[in-house]
Amino acid sequence: MRGFMKCVVALFAVSVLFLAGCGGPEIQVTRTEPDEVTDLSGVWNDTDSRLVSEEMISDCLSRPWLGEHTGKFGKKPVVLVGTVQNKSHEHIAVETFVKDLQRELVNSARVSFVAESDIREAMRDEKYDQSIHASPETMKEMGKELGADYMLFGVLNTIIDQVEGTQAKFYQVDLELINIETNEKVWLGQKKIKKIVTRDKHSF
């Protein structure tokens, strides 16, 4: 019996080694810097999201509306990022693009920035909980939120042109900043990206 068990163990070990040798194709991973420009497939990627957000927010903050607001009210405007719609042909992680826009606005230090609606609701729940359970010295009061002056909206579109193995991909990002009180559009921004992708014509 003991000899039989040794044979079973030996056969199992050989089987494991055989299956390991018959695995899938070898995978090689190369680490790069997060801000390095990469474009492997031609689809919208993290590089597009970062570069577009940097350029468009820089343009937004260089326009007259900002100086007009600070001159009139004597303080930085309060900005909120609303929805960015993906009307392209691709599945795009819009949330990542929105976060890139938020980062550029906050890090500019030229505007004040408030959280989106779901986070504000969570904060209100926390303040309500504090009103019941926290000490008066540490409790944060309701009704002291910073109201936004402007809201940023956007749309991302694509146009695809293809002949055999060559595909032209045209991305257009449109952003608009709107005065919440008056509904006035104080800034309109547009960024276009065009990529030529060449591959086997049967792979598109």
C-alpha atoms as a PDB file:
ATOM      1  CA  MET A   1       0.000   0.000   0.000  1.00  0.00           C
ATOM      2  CA  ARG A   2       2.802   2.365   0.896  1.00  0.00           C
ATOM      3  CA  GLY A   3       4.475   1.694  -2.457  1.00  0.00           C
ATOM      4  CA  PHE A   4       1.224   2.391  -4.252  1.00  0.00           C
ATOM      5  CA  MET A   5       0.877   5.793  -2.512  1.00  0.00           C
ATOM      6  CA  LYS A   6       4.425   6.699  -3.491  1.00  0.00           C
ATOM      7  CA  CYS A   7       3.568   5.970  -7.115  1.00  0.00           C
ATOM      8  CA  VAL A   8       0.449   8.147  -6.920  1.00  0.00           C
ATOM      9  CA  VAL A   9       2.424  11.059  -5.442  1.00  0.00           C
ATOM     10  CA  ALA A  10       5.111  10.692  -8.100  1.00  0.00           C
ATOM     11  CA  LEU A  11       2.538  10.639 -10.911  1.00  0.00           C
ATOM     12  CA  PHE A  12       0.848  13.743  -9.467  1.00  0.00           C
ATOM     13  CA  ALA A  13       4.152  15.629  -9.340  1.00  0.00           C
ATOM     14  CA  VAL A  14       4.933  14.702 -12.942  1.00  0.00           C
ATOM     15  CA  SER A  15       1.448  15.822 -14.025  1.00  0.00           C
ATOM     16  CA  VAL A  16       1.882  19.221 -12.349  1.00  0.00           C
ATOM     17  CA  LEU A  17       5.218  19.753 -14.074  1.00  0.00           C
ATOM     18  CA  PHE A  18       3.731  18.701 -17.418  1.00  0.00           C
ATOM     19  CA  LEU A  19       0.766  21.075 -17.107  1.00  0.00           C
ATOM     20  CA  ALA A  20       3.042  23.932 -16.057  1.00  0.00           C
ATOM     21  CA  GLY A  21       5.114  23.365 -19.175  1.00  0.00           C
ATOM     22  CA  CYS A  22       1.987  23.409 -21.350  1.00  0.00           C
ATOM     23  CA  GLY A  23       0.787  26.791 -20.125  1.00  0.00           C
ATOM     24  CA  GLY A  24      -0.190  29.783 -22.259  1.00  0.00           C
ATOM     25  CA  PRO A  25       2.167  32.145 -24.068  1.00  0.00           C
ATOM     26  CA  GLU A  26       4.935  33.794 -22.109  1.00  0.00           C
ATOM     27  CA  ILE A  27       3.966  37.234 -20.794  1.00  0.00           C
ATOM     28  CA  GLN A  28       6.491  40.015 -20.445  1.00  0.00           C
ATOM     29  CA  VAL A  29       5.695  43.100 -18.374  1.00  0.00           C
ATOM     30  CA  THR A  30       7.674  46.339 -18.576  1.00  0.00           C
ATOM     31  CA  ARG A  31       7.047  49.077 -16.037  1.00  0.00           C
ATOM     32  CA  THR A  32       6.896  52.668 -17.289  1.00  0.00           C
ATOM     33  CA  GLU A  33       6.289  56.056 -15.724  1.00  0.00           C
ATOM     34  CA  PRO A  34       2.559  56.851 -15.327  1.00  0.00           C
ATOM     35  CA  ASP A  35       2.934  60.089 -17.311  1.00  0.00           C
ATOM     36  CA  GLU A  36       4.768  58.460 -20.238  1.00  0.00           C
ATOM     37  CA  VAL A  37       2.914  58.814 -23.530  1.00  0.00           C
ATOM     38  CA  THR A  38       1.600  55.424 -24.672  1.00  0.00           C
ATOM     39  CA  ASP A  39      -0.662  54.535 -27.572  1.00  0.00           C
ATOM     40  CA  LEU A  40      -0.833  50.795 -28.203  1.00  0.00           C
ATOM     41  CA  SER A  41      -4.271  50.174 -29.707  1.00  0.00           C
ATOM     42  CA  GLY A  42      -5.315  53.618 -30.917  1.00  0.00           C
ATOM     43  CA  VAL A  43      -8.291  53.854 -28.554  1.00  0.00           C
ATOM     44  CA  TRP A  44      -8.809  56.643 -26.004  1.00  0.00           C
ATOM     45  CA  ASN A  45      -6.414  55.994 -23.118  1.00  0.00           C
ATOM     46  CA  ASP A  46      -4.943  57.496 -19.944  1.00  0.00           C
ATOM     47  CA  THR A  47      -2.558  59.692 -21.940  1.00  0.00           C
ATOM     48  CA  ASP A  48      -5.450  61.252 -23.865  1.00  0.00           C
ATOM     49  CA  SER A  49      -7.396  61.826 -20.650  1.00  0.00           C
ATOM     50  CA  ARG A  50      -4.479  63.491 -18.895  1.00  0.00           C
ATOM     51  CA  LEU A  51      -3.299  65.683 -21.774  1.00  0.00           C
ATOM     52  CA  VAL A  52      -6.801  66.824 -22.746  1.00  0.00           C
ATOM     53  CA  SER A  53      -7.733  67.726 -19.175  1.00  0.00           C
ATOM     54  CA  GLU A  54      -4.492  69.647 -18.659  1.00  0.00           C
ATOM     55  CA  GLU A  55      -4.858  71.631 -21.865  1.00  0.00           C
ATOM     56  CA  MET A  56      -8.565  72.376 -21.551  1.00  0.00           C
ATOM     57  CA  ILE A  57      -8.500  73.457 -17.893  1.00  0.00           C
ATOM     58  CA  SER A  58      -5.455  75.625 -18.600  1.00  0.00           C
ATOM     59  CA  ASP A  59      -7.422  77.315 -21.386  1.00  0.00           C
ATOM     60  CA  CYS A  60     -10.500  77.670 -19.172  1.00  0.00           C
ATOM     61  CA  LEU A  61      -8.571  79.404 -16.393  1.00  0.00           C
ATOM     62  CA  SER A  62      -6.901  81.807 -18.837  1.00  0.00           C
ATOM     63  CA  ARG A  63     -10.186  83.292 -20.096  1.00  0.00           C
ATOM     64  CA  PRO A  64     -11.857  86.562 -19.000  1.00  0.00           C
ATOM     65  CA  TRP A  65     -14.609  85.003 -16.874  1.00  0.00           C
ATOM     66  CA  LEU A  66     -12.173  84.249 -14.047  1.00  0.00           C
ATOM     67  CA  GLY A  67     -10.862  87.812 -13.730  1.00  0.00           C
ATOM     68  CA  GLU A  68     -14.370  89.208 -14.083  1.00  0.00           C
ATOM     69  CA  HIS A  69     -15.618  87.056 -11.219  1.00  0.00           C
ATOM     70  CA  THR A  70     -12.774  87.866  -8.828  1.00  0.00           C
ATOM     71  CA  GLY A  71     -13.033  91.554  -9.721  1.00  0.00           C
ATOM     72  CA  LYS A  72     -16.761  91.631  -9.017  1.00  0.00           C
ATOM     73  CA  PHE A  73     -16.888  89.493  -5.866  1.00  0.00           C
ATOM     74  CA  GLY A  74     -13.346  89.824  -4.520  1.00  0.00           C
ATOM     75  CA  LYS A  75     -12.885  86.061  -4.105  1.00  0.00           C
ATOM     76  CA  LYS A  76     -12.168  82.934  -6.089  1.00  0.00           C
ATOM     77  CA  PRO A  77     -15.108  81.337  -7.902  1.00  0.00           C
ATOM     78  CA  VAL A  78     -16.461  78.050  -6.617  1.00  0.00           C
ATOM     79  CA  VAL A  79     -16.571  75.382  -9.334  1.00  0.00           C
ATOM     80  CA  LEU A  80     -18.244  71.975  -9.564  1.00  0.00           C
ATOM     81  CA  VAL A  81     -17.741  69.349 -12.275  1.00  0.00           C
ATOM     82  CA  GLY A  82     -21.079  68.024 -13.512  1.00  0.00           C
ATOM     83  CA  THR A  83     -21.610  65.251 -16.039  1.00  0.00           C
ATOM     84  CA  VAL A  84     -19.376  64.349 -18.967  1.00  0.00           C
ATOM     85  CA  GLN A  85     -21.253  62.289 -21.557  1.00  0.00           C
ATOM     86  CA  ASN A  86     -19.568  59.635 -23.660  1.00  0.00           C
ATOM     87  CA  LYS A  87     -21.187  59.683 -27.110  1.00  0.00           C
ATOM     88  CA  SER A  88     -18.234  58.031 -28.810  1.00  0.00           C
ATOM     89  CA  HIS A  89     -17.987  54.621 -30.474  1.00  0.00           C
ATOM     90  CA  GLU A  90     -15.827  53.336 -27.614  1.00  0.00           C
ATOM     91  CA  HIS A  91     -16.251  52.336 -24.019  1.00  0.00           C
ATOM     92  CA  ILE A  92     -14.428  55.155 -22.235  1.00  0.00           C
ATOM     93  CA  ALA A  93     -13.836  55.397 -18.492  1.00  0.00           C
ATOM     94  CA  VAL A  94     -15.464  58.820 -18.190  1.00  0.00           C
ATOM     95  CA  GLU A  95     -14.962  58.800 -14.423  1.00  0.00           C
ATOM     96  CA  THR A  96     -11.201  58.855 -14.936  1.00  0.00           C
ATOM     97  CA  PHE A  97     -11.475  61.862 -17.251  1.00  0.00           C
ATOM     98  CA  VAL A  98     -13.712  63.663 -14.738  1.00  0.00           C
ATOM     99  CA  LYS A  99     -11.144  63.021 -12.001  1.00  0.00           C
ATOM    100  CA  ASP A 100      -8.403  64.431 -14.246  1.00  0.00           C
ATOM    101  CA  LEU A 101     -10.494  67.576 -14.760  1.00  0.00           C
ATOM    102  CA  GLN A 102     -11.098  67.878 -11.028  1.00  0.00           C
ATOM    103  CA  ARG A 103      -7.399  67.457 -10.274  1.00  0.00           C
ATOM    104  CA  GLU A 104      -6.412  70.215 -12.685  1.00  0.00           C
ATOM    105  CA  LEU A 105      -8.999  72.603 -11.221  1.00  0.00           C
ATOM    106  CA  VAL A 106      -8.074  71.915  -7.601  1.00  0.00           C
ATOM    107  CA  ASN A 107      -4.311  72.000  -8.148  1.00  0.00           C
ATOM    108  CA  SER A 108      -4.502  75.279 -10.042  1.00  0.00           C
ATOM    109  CA  ALA A 109      -5.364  77.050  -6.736  1.00  0.00           C
ATOM    110  CA  ARG A 110      -7.201  79.645  -8.840  1.00  0.00           C
ATOM    111  CA  VAL A 111     -10.687  78.394  -8.019  1.00  0.00           C
ATOM    112  CA  SER A 112     -12.392  76.823  -5.030  1.00  0.00           C
ATOM    113  CA  PHE A 113     -13.784  73.387  -5.692  1.00  0.00           C
ATOM    114  CA  VAL A 114     -16.683  71.494  -4.124  1.00  0.00           C
ATOM    115  CA  ALA A 115     -17.436  67.776  -4.126  1.00  0.00           C
ATOM    116  CA  GLU A 116     -19.961  66.124  -6.423  1.00  0.00           C
ATOM    117  CA  SER A 117     -23.525  65.433  -5.289  1.00  0.00           C
ATOM    118  CA  ASP A 118     -23.099  61.863  -3.995  1.00  0.00           C
ATOM    119  CA  ILE A 119     -20.157  62.876  -1.823  1.00  0.00           C
ATOM    120  CA  ARG A 120     -22.066  65.895  -0.516  1.00  0.00           C
ATOM    121  CA  GLU A 121     -24.924  63.587   0.479  1.00  0.00           C
ATOM    122  CA  ALA A 122     -22.490  61.360   2.374  1.00  0.00           C
ATOM    123  CA  MET A 123     -21.063  64.405   4.159  1.00  0.00           C
ATOM    124  CA  ARG A 124     -24.558  65.549   5.134  1.00  0.00           C
ATOM    125  CA  ASP A 125     -25.269  62.124   6.595  1.00  0.00           C
ATOM    126  CA  GLU A 126     -22.053  62.399   8.593  1.00  0.00           C
ATOM    127  CA  LYS A 127     -22.963  65.867   9.909  1.00  0.00           C
ATOM    128  CA  TYR A 128     -26.412  64.623  10.891  1.00  0.00           C
ATOM    129  CA  ASP A 129     -24.813  61.709  12.735  1.00  0.00           C
ATOM    130  CA  GLN A 130     -22.445  64.137  14.480  1.00  0.00           C
ATOM    131  CA  SER A 131     -25.383  66.314  15.557  1.00  0.00           C
ATOM    132  CA  ILE A 132     -26.618  63.340  17.586  1.00  0.00           C
ATOM    133  CA  HIS A 133     -23.433  61.648  18.746  1.00  0.00           C
ATOM    134  CA  ALA A 134     -20.522  64.131  18.650  1.00  0.00           C
ATOM    135  CA  SER A 135     -19.594  66.578  21.378  1.00  0.00           C
ATOM    136  CA  PRO A 136     -20.638  70.228  20.829  1.00  0.00           C
ATOM    137  CA  GLU A 137     -16.976  71.241  20.573  1.00  0.00           C
ATOM    138  CA  THR A 138     -16.263  68.913  17.644  1.00  0.00           C
ATOM    139  CA  MET A 139     -19.657  68.756  15.915  1.00  0.00           C
ATOM    140  CA  LYS A 140     -19.782  70.157  12.369  1.00  0.00           C
ATOM    141  CA  GLU A 141     -22.904  72.203  11.737  1.00  0.00           C
ATOM    142  CA  MET A 142     -25.405  71.897   8.926  1.00  0.00           C
ATOM    143  CA  GLY A 143     -26.046  74.811   6.582  1.00  0.00           C
ATOM    144  CA  LYS A 144     -22.446  75.923   6.163  1.00  0.00           C
ATOM    145  CA  GLU A 145     -21.676  74.326   2.814  1.00  0.00           C
ATOM    146  CA  LEU A 146     -19.875  76.272   0.122  1.00  0.00           C
ATOM    147  CA  GLY A 147     -22.300  76.816  -2.754  1.00  0.00           C
ATOM    148  CA  ALA A 148     -20.904  76.465  -6.271  1.00  0.00           C
ATOM    149  CA  ASP A 149     -20.910  79.451  -8.644  1.00  0.00           C
ATOM    150  CA  TYR A 150     -20.171  77.515 -11.838  1.00  0.00           C
ATOM    151  CA  MET A 151     -20.655  73.983 -13.128  1.00  0.00           C
ATOM    152  CA  LEU A 152     -18.577  72.282 -15.819  1.00  0.00           C
ATOM    153  CA  PHE A 153     -20.269  69.961 -18.335  1.00  0.00           C
ATOM    154  CA  GLY A 154     -18.813  67.991 -21.225  1.00  0.00           C
ATOM    155  CA  VAL A 155     -19.396  65.678 -24.180  1.00  0.00           C
ATOM    156  CA  LEU A 156     -16.938  63.288 -25.845  1.00  0.00           C
ATOM    157  CA  ASN A 157     -17.606  62.291 -29.479  1.00  0.00           C
ATOM    158  CA  THR A 158     -15.817  60.270 -32.141  1.00  0.00           C
ATOM    159  CA  ILE A 159     -15.871  60.033 -35.917  1.00  0.00           C
ATOM    160  CA  ILE A 160     -14.450  56.896 -37.550  1.00  0.00           C
ATOM    161  CA  ASP A 161     -13.227  56.773 -41.153  1.00  0.00           C
ATOM    162  CA  GLN A 162     -11.875  53.466 -42.452  1.00  0.00           C
ATOM    163  CA  VAL A 163     -10.456  52.051 -45.666  1.00  0.00           C
ATOM    164  CA  GLU A 164      -9.266  48.424 -45.606  1.00  0.00           C
ATOM    165  CA  GLY A 165      -6.471  48.219 -43.011  1.00  0.00           C
ATOM    166  CA  THR A 166      -6.277  51.922 -42.174  1.00  0.00           C
ATOM    167  CA  GLN A 167      -8.582  53.653 -39.755  1.00  0.00           C
ATOM    168  CA  ALA A 168      -8.755  57.373 -38.943  1.00  0.00           C
ATOM    169  CA  LYS A 169     -10.137  58.013 -35.458  1.00  0.00           C
ATOM    170  CA  PHE A 170     -11.241  61.547 -34.696  1.00  0.00           C
ATOM    171  CA  TYR A 171     -12.011  62.487 -31.071  1.00  0.00           C
ATOM    172  CA  GLN A 172     -13.686  65.740 -30.098  1.00  0.00           C
ATOM    173  CA  VAL A 173     -14.102  66.856 -26.497  1.00  0.00           C
ATOM    174  CA  ASP A 174     -16.411  69.804 -25.804  1.00  0.00           C
ATOM    175  CA  LEU A 175     -16.576  71.393 -22.359  1.00  0.00           C
ATOM    176  CA  GLU A 176     -18.705  74.309 -21.187  1.00  0.00           C
ATOM    177  CA  LEU A 177     -18.670  76.251 -17.934  1.00  0.00           C
ATOM    178  CA  ILE A 178     -22.063  77.581 -16.855  1.00  0.00           C
ATOM    179  CA  ASN A 179     -22.993  80.209 -14.270  1.00  0.00           C
ATOM    180  CA  ILE A 180     -25.372  78.341 -11.947  1.00  0.00           C
ATOM    181  CA  GLU A 181     -27.338  81.439 -10.955  1.00  0.00           C
ATOM    182  CA  THR A 182     -27.870  82.911 -14.425  1.00  0.00           C
ATOM    183  CA  ASN A 183     -27.395  79.831 -16.709  1.00  0.00           C
ATOM    184  CA  GLU A 184     -24.886  81.932 -18.692  1.00  0.00           C
ATOM    185  CA  LYS A 185     -22.192  80.003 -20.539  1.00  0.00           C
ATOM    186  CA  VAL A 186     -18.997  81.788 -19.533  1.00  0.00           C
ATOM    187  CA  TRP A 187     -16.512  79.498 -21.300  1.00  0.00           C
ATOM    188  CA  LEU A 188     -16.644  77.018 -24.163  1.00  0.00           C
ATOM    189  CA  GLY A 189     -13.669  74.747 -24.773  1.00  0.00           C
ATOM    190  CA  GLN A 190     -12.930  72.245 -27.492  1.00  0.00           C
ATOM    191  CA  LYS A 191     -10.105  69.778 -28.021  1.00  0.00           C
ATOM    192  CA  LYS A 192      -9.641  67.557 -31.076  1.00  0.00           C
ATOM    193  CA  ILE A 193      -7.461  64.458 -31.401  1.00  0.00           C
ATOM    194  CA  LYS A 194      -6.872  62.528 -34.617  1.00  0.00           C
ATOM    195  CA  LYS A 195      -5.215  59.114 -34.747  1.00  0.00           C
ATOM    196  CA  ILE A 196      -4.321  56.981 -37.755  1.00  0.00           C
ATOM    197  CA  VAL A 197      -4.372  53.269 -36.893  1.00  0.00           C
ATOM    198  CA  THR A 198      -2.983  50.735 -39.356  1.00  0.00           C
ATOM    199  CA  ARG A 199      -3.372  46.979 -38.880  1.00  0.00           C
ATOM    200  CA  ASP A 200      -4.571  43.825 -40.608  1.00  0.00           C
ATOM    201  CA  LYS A 201      -7.803  44.793 -42.330  1.00  0.00           C
ATOM    202  CA  HIS A 202      -9.573  41.751 -40.853  1.00  0.00           C
ATOM    203  CA  SER A 203      -8.792  42.809 -37.259  1.00  0.00           C
ATOM    204  CA  PHE A 204     -10.966  45.946 -37.101  1.00  0.00           C
END
